[in-house]
Amino acid sequence: MQKTFQLLRRGDIEGVRQILDKKPEEVNAVSGDKPKRDQGQSLLQVAIKSGHLDIADLLIDRGADLNFIEEPTELNPFCQPVLQTAGGRAVFDCRRMIKRWNGQYEMYSSKEKADRSFKVFEKMLELGADISQKDSHGGTLLQTILIETKEVLPSYYWKTKETSDNVLITDELRHDLNRIYDLLIRYGVTADEIAVYQNIPLKELYQDSPTMEFLNRLDQSRSL
């Protein structure tokens, strides 16, 4: 079993495919104690979080559990549904211009990477992944995506209400984020949630910040 995880971590899709051909049940294998970073997680979860989306796609086609959530351990008490892992990855791989130490902006990610991550997330939803699942803290898919969205947008300073120029909101970034939020709209997600950590409405938590542009998109869909 651990051999499969080792092949996955190396990005060896053919090696993983050969194991699945011989042992189809391996598709839902769960990692043992080592490596610690993968402890208790499924092959699909590790494939997504490590960015091996071609292997993730293969696992989905072979029947991987789309509603998997790991059991808490002493090392990893926080548990997240694999769908939330996929949603977070789709946001993380969005194209964006990041300011470097010399003041110049550099593109992070690529169209190919952003498309692949989005398609894995979309495919999981289309195949019936449970969008209502929550993480071990009670966080929803939307809240996971908002947290990741905040990370890929310009930094916002809540006390001064100032927005940094460390990231540029380009047409590419808007395109990649908008399609993620449009996908949530398609599956009935609205902005009417209470933030699990702050215990206030999401729209209050993110008001005035760059993230609000995308959270508002969920409300705008109601008037269409």
C-alpha atoms as a PDB file:
ATOM      1  CA  MET A   1       0.000   0.000   0.000  1.00  0.00           C
ATOM      2  CA  GLN A   2       2.718   2.489   0.964  1.00  0.00           C
ATOM      3  CA  LYS A   3       4.429   1.752  -2.346  1.00  0.00           C
ATOM      4  CA  THR A   4       1.427   3.259  -4.107  1.00  0.00           C
ATOM      5  CA  PHE A   5       1.787   6.445  -2.082  1.00  0.00           C
ATOM      6  CA  GLN A   6       5.508   6.576  -2.876  1.00  0.00           C
ATOM      7  CA  LEU A   7       4.795   6.268  -6.596  1.00  0.00           C
ATOM      8  CA  LEU A   8       2.114   8.938  -6.296  1.00  0.00           C
ATOM      9  CA  ARG A   9       4.453  11.357  -4.541  1.00  0.00           C
ATOM     10  CA  ARG A  10       6.955  10.871  -7.369  1.00  0.00           C
ATOM     11  CA  GLY A  11       4.245  11.580  -9.919  1.00  0.00           C
ATOM     12  CA  ASP A  12       4.601   8.111 -11.443  1.00  0.00           C
ATOM     13  CA  ILE A  13       1.165   7.753 -12.995  1.00  0.00           C
ATOM     14  CA  GLU A  14       2.070   4.589 -14.901  1.00  0.00           C
ATOM     15  CA  GLY A  15       3.306   2.940 -11.716  1.00  0.00           C
ATOM     16  CA  VAL A  16       0.064   3.832  -9.950  1.00  0.00           C
ATOM     17  CA  ARG A  17      -1.968   2.624 -12.935  1.00  0.00           C
ATOM     18  CA  GLN A  18      -0.209  -0.759 -12.919  1.00  0.00           C
ATOM     19  CA  ILE A  19      -0.959  -1.271  -9.225  1.00  0.00           C
ATOM     20  CA  LEU A  20      -4.627  -0.369  -9.736  1.00  0.00           C
ATOM     21  CA  ASP A  21      -4.843  -2.800 -12.655  1.00  0.00           C
ATOM     22  CA  LYS A  22      -3.655  -5.613 -10.373  1.00  0.00           C
ATOM     23  CA  LYS A  23      -5.411  -4.468  -7.195  1.00  0.00           C
ATOM     24  CA  PRO A  24      -8.464  -2.308  -8.007  1.00  0.00           C
ATOM     25  CA  GLU A  25      -9.309  -2.002  -4.297  1.00  0.00           C
ATOM     26  CA  GLU A  26      -6.075  -0.061  -3.797  1.00  0.00           C
ATOM     27  CA  VAL A  27      -7.851   3.006  -5.207  1.00  0.00           C
ATOM     28  CA  ASN A  28      -9.198   3.720  -1.717  1.00  0.00           C
ATOM     29  CA  ALA A  29      -5.984   2.960   0.149  1.00  0.00           C
ATOM     30  CA  VAL A  30      -5.274   5.097   3.206  1.00  0.00           C
ATOM     31  CA  SER A  31      -1.748   6.161   4.126  1.00  0.00           C
ATOM     32  CA  GLY A  32      -0.112   4.715   7.219  1.00  0.00           C
ATOM     33  CA  ASP A  33       1.942   6.581   9.810  1.00  0.00           C
ATOM     34  CA  LYS A  34       4.682   7.527   7.343  1.00  0.00           C
ATOM     35  CA  PRO A  35       5.146   9.971   5.828  1.00  0.00           C
ATOM     36  CA  LYS A  36       3.572  11.980   8.620  1.00  0.00           C
ATOM     37  CA  ARG A  37       2.287  14.662   6.241  1.00  0.00           C
ATOM     38  CA  ASP A  38       0.009  12.078   4.587  1.00  0.00           C
ATOM     39  CA  GLN A  39      -1.010  10.178   7.715  1.00  0.00           C
ATOM     40  CA  GLY A  40      -4.545   8.811   7.462  1.00  0.00           C
ATOM     41  CA  GLN A  41      -5.253  10.415   4.085  1.00  0.00           C
ATOM     42  CA  SER A  42      -6.530   8.686   0.967  1.00  0.00           C
ATOM     43  CA  LEU A  43      -4.657   8.352  -2.310  1.00  0.00           C
ATOM     44  CA  LEU A  44      -7.017  10.852  -3.918  1.00  0.00           C
ATOM     45  CA  GLN A  45      -6.501  13.384  -1.146  1.00  0.00           C
ATOM     46  CA  VAL A  46      -2.710  13.101  -1.351  1.00  0.00           C
ATOM     47  CA  ALA A  47      -2.771  13.287  -5.156  1.00  0.00           C
ATOM     48  CA  ILE A  48      -4.761  16.521  -5.044  1.00  0.00           C
ATOM     49  CA  LYS A  49      -2.832  18.253  -2.280  1.00  0.00           C
ATOM     50  CA  SER A  50       0.522  17.348  -3.855  1.00  0.00           C
ATOM     51  CA  GLY A  51      -0.552  18.693  -7.240  1.00  0.00           C
ATOM     52  CA  HIS A  52      -0.528  15.388  -9.133  1.00  0.00           C
ATOM     53  CA  LEU A  53      -3.864  16.096 -10.783  1.00  0.00           C
ATOM     54  CA  ASP A  54      -3.351  13.586 -13.588  1.00  0.00           C
ATOM     55  CA  ILE A  55      -3.143  10.844 -10.962  1.00  0.00           C
ATOM     56  CA  ALA A  56      -6.145  12.324  -9.140  1.00  0.00           C
ATOM     57  CA  ASP A  57      -8.114  12.103 -12.386  1.00  0.00           C
ATOM     58  CA  LEU A  58      -7.081   8.469 -12.798  1.00  0.00           C
ATOM     59  CA  LEU A  59      -8.146   7.646  -9.234  1.00  0.00           C
ATOM     60  CA  ILE A  60     -11.545   9.271  -9.776  1.00  0.00           C
ATOM     61  CA  ASP A  61     -12.047   7.250 -12.955  1.00  0.00           C
ATOM     62  CA  ARG A  62     -11.167   4.084 -11.022  1.00  0.00           C
ATOM     63  CA  GLY A  63     -13.814   4.748  -8.379  1.00  0.00           C
ATOM     64  CA  ALA A  64     -12.040   6.605  -5.579  1.00  0.00           C
ATOM     65  CA  ASP A  65     -14.247   7.615  -2.638  1.00  0.00           C
ATOM     66  CA  LEU A  66     -15.264  11.218  -3.352  1.00  0.00           C
ATOM     67  CA  ASN A  67     -16.617  11.705   0.178  1.00  0.00           C
ATOM     68  CA  PHE A  68     -13.539  10.522   2.055  1.00  0.00           C
ATOM     69  CA  ILE A  69     -12.512  12.339   5.214  1.00  0.00           C
ATOM     70  CA  GLU A  70      -9.583  11.109   7.296  1.00  0.00           C
ATOM     71  CA  GLU A  71      -9.791  10.127  10.940  1.00  0.00           C
ATOM     72  CA  PRO A  72      -8.140  12.553  13.399  1.00  0.00           C
ATOM     73  CA  THR A  73      -4.738  11.586  14.767  1.00  0.00           C
ATOM     74  CA  GLU A  74      -2.517  13.065  17.451  1.00  0.00           C
ATOM     75  CA  LEU A  75      -0.295  14.536  14.751  1.00  0.00           C
ATOM     76  CA  ASN A  76      -3.133  15.650  12.459  1.00  0.00           C
ATOM     77  CA  PRO A  77      -6.218  16.487  14.539  1.00  0.00           C
ATOM     78  CA  PHE A  78      -7.748  18.552  11.715  1.00  0.00           C
ATOM     79  CA  CYS A  79      -9.699  16.499   9.177  1.00  0.00           C
ATOM     80  CA  GLN A  80     -10.977  17.727   5.835  1.00  0.00           C
ATOM     81  CA  PRO A  81     -13.277  16.144   3.237  1.00  0.00           C
ATOM     82  CA  VAL A  82     -11.429  15.369   0.030  1.00  0.00           C
ATOM     83  CA  LEU A  83     -13.856  17.638  -1.871  1.00  0.00           C
ATOM     84  CA  GLN A  84     -12.670  20.587   0.223  1.00  0.00           C
ATOM     85  CA  THR A  85      -9.081  19.621  -0.571  1.00  0.00           C
ATOM     86  CA  ALA A  86      -9.976  19.733  -4.266  1.00  0.00           C
ATOM     87  CA  GLY A  87     -11.746  23.081  -3.972  1.00  0.00           C
ATOM     88  CA  GLY A  88      -8.813  24.590  -2.127  1.00  0.00           C
ATOM     89  CA  ARG A  89      -6.409  23.249  -4.733  1.00  0.00           C
ATOM     90  CA  ALA A  90      -8.450  24.765  -7.557  1.00  0.00           C
ATOM     91  CA  VAL A  91      -8.122  28.172  -5.898  1.00  0.00           C
ATOM     92  CA  PHE A  92      -4.433  27.723  -5.084  1.00  0.00           C
ATOM     93  CA  ASP A  93      -3.623  26.975  -8.725  1.00  0.00           C
ATOM     94  CA  CYS A  94      -5.339  30.108 -10.071  1.00  0.00           C
ATOM     95  CA  ARG A  95      -3.069  32.273 -12.215  1.00  0.00           C
ATOM     96  CA  ARG A  96      -1.863  35.419 -10.486  1.00  0.00           C
ATOM     97  CA  MET A  97       0.854  38.051 -10.715  1.00  0.00           C
ATOM     98  CA  ILE A  98       2.947  38.074  -7.533  1.00  0.00           C
ATOM     99  CA  LYS A  99       5.285  40.911  -6.594  1.00  0.00           C
ATOM    100  CA  ARG A 100       8.875  39.774  -6.061  1.00  0.00           C
ATOM    101  CA  TRP A 101      11.592  41.250  -3.879  1.00  0.00           C
ATOM    102  CA  ASN A 102      12.821  43.456  -6.757  1.00  0.00           C
ATOM    103  CA  GLY A 103       9.403  45.026  -7.288  1.00  0.00           C
ATOM    104  CA  GLN A 104       8.745  43.119 -10.500  1.00  0.00           C
ATOM    105  CA  TYR A 105       5.646  40.967 -10.948  1.00  0.00           C
ATOM    106  CA  GLU A 106       5.862  37.326 -11.935  1.00  0.00           C
ATOM    107  CA  MET A 107       3.109  34.949 -13.018  1.00  0.00           C
ATOM    108  CA  TYR A 108       2.397  32.126 -10.605  1.00  0.00           C
ATOM    109  CA  SER A 109       0.821  28.946 -11.990  1.00  0.00           C
ATOM    110  CA  SER A 110      -0.259  28.456 -15.602  1.00  0.00           C
ATOM    111  CA  LYS A 111      -3.423  28.023 -17.634  1.00  0.00           C
ATOM    112  CA  GLU A 112      -2.782  24.293 -17.892  1.00  0.00           C
ATOM    113  CA  LYS A 113      -2.377  23.899 -14.135  1.00  0.00           C
ATOM    114  CA  ALA A 114      -5.388  26.079 -13.307  1.00  0.00           C
ATOM    115  CA  ASP A 115      -7.563  24.234 -15.831  1.00  0.00           C
ATOM    116  CA  ARG A 116      -6.544  20.812 -14.573  1.00  0.00           C
ATOM    117  CA  SER A 117      -7.209  21.617 -10.916  1.00  0.00           C
ATOM    118  CA  PHE A 118     -10.569  23.148 -11.752  1.00  0.00           C
ATOM    119  CA  LYS A 119     -11.610  20.178 -13.878  1.00  0.00           C
ATOM    120  CA  VAL A 120     -10.818  17.708 -11.082  1.00  0.00           C
ATOM    121  CA  PHE A 121     -12.938  19.754  -8.662  1.00  0.00           C
ATOM    122  CA  GLU A 122     -15.750  20.064 -11.209  1.00  0.00           C
ATOM    123  CA  LYS A 123     -15.625  16.362 -12.022  1.00  0.00           C
ATOM    124  CA  MET A 124     -15.961  15.387  -8.371  1.00  0.00           C
ATOM    125  CA  LEU A 125     -19.086  17.512  -8.031  1.00  0.00           C
ATOM    126  CA  GLU A 126     -20.569  16.186 -11.261  1.00  0.00           C
ATOM    127  CA  LEU A 127     -20.035  12.630 -10.007  1.00  0.00           C
ATOM    128  CA  GLY A 128     -21.980  13.336  -6.839  1.00  0.00           C
ATOM    129  CA  ALA A 129     -19.465  14.339  -4.173  1.00  0.00           C
ATOM    130  CA  ASP A 130     -21.319  15.546  -1.071  1.00  0.00           C
ATOM    131  CA  ILE A 131     -21.112  19.337  -1.116  1.00  0.00           C
ATOM    132  CA  SER A 132     -22.629  19.563   2.374  1.00  0.00           C
ATOM    133  CA  GLN A 133     -19.764  17.771   4.137  1.00  0.00           C
ATOM    134  CA  LYS A 134     -17.939  19.783   6.799  1.00  0.00           C
ATOM    135  CA  ASP A 135     -14.418  19.595   8.143  1.00  0.00           C
ATOM    136  CA  SER A 136     -13.660  18.613  11.729  1.00  0.00           C
ATOM    137  CA  HIS A 137     -14.089  22.238  12.863  1.00  0.00           C
ATOM    138  CA  GLY A 138     -17.458  22.597  11.154  1.00  0.00           C
ATOM    139  CA  GLY A 139     -16.143  24.519   8.147  1.00  0.00           C
ATOM    140  CA  THR A 140     -17.995  24.225   4.844  1.00  0.00           C
ATOM    141  CA  LEU A 141     -16.714  23.941   1.293  1.00  0.00           C
ATOM    142  CA  LEU A 142     -17.465  27.628   0.717  1.00  0.00           C
ATOM    143  CA  GLN A 143     -15.524  28.665   3.800  1.00  0.00           C
ATOM    144  CA  THR A 144     -12.519  26.610   2.715  1.00  0.00           C
ATOM    145  CA  ILE A 145     -12.624  28.229  -0.714  1.00  0.00           C
ATOM    146  CA  LEU A 146     -12.926  31.712   0.796  1.00  0.00           C
ATOM    147  CA  ILE A 147      -9.915  31.119   3.042  1.00  0.00           C
ATOM    148  CA  GLU A 148      -7.877  30.032   0.025  1.00  0.00           C
ATOM    149  CA  THR A 149      -9.219  32.929  -2.055  1.00  0.00           C
ATOM    150  CA  LYS A 150      -7.988  35.389   0.551  1.00  0.00           C
ATOM    151  CA  GLU A 151      -4.526  33.843   0.207  1.00  0.00           C
ATOM    152  CA  VAL A 152      -4.298  34.303  -3.577  1.00  0.00           C
ATOM    153  CA  LEU A 153      -5.586  37.894  -3.578  1.00  0.00           C
ATOM    154  CA  PRO A 154      -3.760  41.066  -2.469  1.00  0.00           C
ATOM    155  CA  SER A 155      -3.192  41.152   1.284  1.00  0.00           C
ATOM    156  CA  TYR A 156      -5.776  43.189   3.147  1.00  0.00           C
ATOM    157  CA  TYR A 157      -5.023  44.922   6.442  1.00  0.00           C
ATOM    158  CA  TRP A 158      -8.164  44.852   8.542  1.00  0.00           C
ATOM    159  CA  LYS A 159      -7.142  47.564  11.017  1.00  0.00           C
ATOM    160  CA  THR A 160      -6.201  50.170   8.417  1.00  0.00           C
ATOM    161  CA  LYS A 161      -8.498  48.836   5.650  1.00  0.00           C
ATOM    162  CA  GLU A 162      -5.608  49.076   3.210  1.00  0.00           C
ATOM    163  CA  THR A 163      -4.960  46.685   0.349  1.00  0.00           C
ATOM    164  CA  SER A 164      -1.403  45.669  -0.531  1.00  0.00           C
ATOM    165  CA  ASP A 165       0.051  45.586  -4.034  1.00  0.00           C
ATOM    166  CA  ASN A 166       1.734  42.215  -3.419  1.00  0.00           C
ATOM    167  CA  VAL A 167      -0.635  40.550  -5.900  1.00  0.00           C
ATOM    168  CA  LEU A 168      -2.322  42.004  -8.979  1.00  0.00           C
ATOM    169  CA  ILE A 169      -5.952  41.111  -9.689  1.00  0.00           C
ATOM    170  CA  THR A 170      -5.639  40.393 -13.398  1.00  0.00           C
ATOM    171  CA  ASP A 171      -8.191  39.193 -15.945  1.00  0.00           C
ATOM    172  CA  GLU A 172      -6.642  35.726 -15.656  1.00  0.00           C
ATOM    173  CA  LEU A 173      -7.091  35.636 -11.890  1.00  0.00           C
ATOM    174  CA  ARG A 174     -10.677  36.847 -12.144  1.00  0.00           C
ATOM    175  CA  HIS A 175     -11.444  34.257 -14.807  1.00  0.00           C
ATOM    176  CA  ASP A 176     -10.008  31.399 -12.762  1.00  0.00           C
ATOM    177  CA  LEU A 177     -11.724  32.432  -9.534  1.00  0.00           C
ATOM    178  CA  ASN A 178     -15.057  33.340 -11.137  1.00  0.00           C
ATOM    179  CA  ARG A 179     -15.509  29.891 -12.638  1.00  0.00           C
ATOM    180  CA  ILE A 180     -14.952  28.308  -9.221  1.00  0.00           C
ATOM    181  CA  TYR A 181     -17.632  30.508  -7.655  1.00  0.00           C
ATOM    182  CA  ASP A 182     -19.917  29.936 -10.648  1.00  0.00           C
ATOM    183  CA  LEU A 183     -19.538  26.213 -10.035  1.00  0.00           C
ATOM    184  CA  LEU A 184     -20.593  26.704  -6.420  1.00  0.00           C
ATOM    185  CA  ILE A 185     -23.634  28.659  -7.644  1.00  0.00           C
ATOM    186  CA  ARG A 186     -24.552  25.771  -9.925  1.00  0.00           C
ATOM    187  CA  TYR A 187     -24.707  23.506  -6.882  1.00  0.00           C
ATOM    188  CA  GLY A 188     -26.802  25.871  -4.803  1.00  0.00           C
ATOM    189  CA  VAL A 189     -24.172  27.463  -2.574  1.00  0.00           C
ATOM    190  CA  THR A 190     -25.095  30.908  -1.200  1.00  0.00           C
ATOM    191  CA  ALA A 191     -23.222  33.487   0.850  1.00  0.00           C
ATOM    192  CA  ASP A 192     -25.629  33.131   3.781  1.00  0.00           C
ATOM    193  CA  GLU A 193     -23.305  31.298   6.139  1.00  0.00           C
ATOM    194  CA  ILE A 194     -21.800  32.004   9.531  1.00  0.00           C
ATOM    195  CA  ALA A 195     -17.998  31.841   9.685  1.00  0.00           C
ATOM    196  CA  VAL A 196     -17.134  28.830  11.810  1.00  0.00           C
ATOM    197  CA  TYR A 197     -14.106  30.418  13.514  1.00  0.00           C
ATOM    198  CA  GLN A 198     -15.317  34.009  13.973  1.00  0.00           C
ATOM    199  CA  ASN A 199     -19.036  33.208  14.445  1.00  0.00           C
ATOM    200  CA  ILE A 200     -20.148  36.148  12.306  1.00  0.00           C
ATOM    201  CA  PRO A 201     -21.772  36.261   8.834  1.00  0.00           C
ATOM    202  CA  LEU A 202     -19.320  35.690   5.997  1.00  0.00           C
ATOM    203  CA  LYS A 203     -20.309  38.983   4.383  1.00  0.00           C
ATOM    204  CA  GLU A 204     -19.390  40.794   7.576  1.00  0.00           C
ATOM    205  CA  LEU A 205     -16.103  38.930   7.898  1.00  0.00           C
ATOM    206  CA  TYR A 206     -14.945  39.748   4.375  1.00  0.00           C
ATOM    207  CA  GLN A 207     -16.519  43.184   3.894  1.00  0.00           C
ATOM    208  CA  ASP A 208     -14.280  45.757   2.168  1.00  0.00           C
ATOM    209  CA  SER A 209     -11.603  43.136   1.434  1.00  0.00           C
ATOM    210  CA  PRO A 210     -10.698  41.951  -2.095  1.00  0.00           C
ATOM    211  CA  THR A 211     -12.352  38.599  -1.321  1.00  0.00           C
ATOM    212  CA  MET A 212     -15.746  40.326  -1.161  1.00  0.00           C
ATOM    213  CA  GLU A 213     -15.843  40.705  -4.953  1.00  0.00           C
ATOM    214  CA  PHE A 214     -16.083  36.944  -5.309  1.00  0.00           C
ATOM    215  CA  LEU A 215     -18.336  36.324  -2.319  1.00  0.00           C
ATOM    216  CA  ASN A 216     -20.766  38.896  -3.759  1.00  0.00           C
ATOM    217  CA  ARG A 217     -20.892  36.844  -6.945  1.00  0.00           C
ATOM    218  CA  LEU A 218     -22.942  34.233  -5.070  1.00  0.00           C
ATOM    219  CA  ASP A 219     -25.596  36.854  -4.255  1.00  0.00           C
ATOM    220  CA  GLN A 220     -25.577  38.372  -7.727  1.00  0.00           C
ATOM    221  CA  SER A 221     -26.598  35.013  -9.176  1.00  0.00           C
ATOM    222  CA  ARG A 222     -29.990  35.282  -7.468  1.00  0.00           C
ATOM    223  CA  SER A 223     -30.975  38.269  -9.585  1.00  0.00           C
ATOM    224  CA  LEU A 224     -30.093  36.611 -12.888  1.00  0.00           C
END
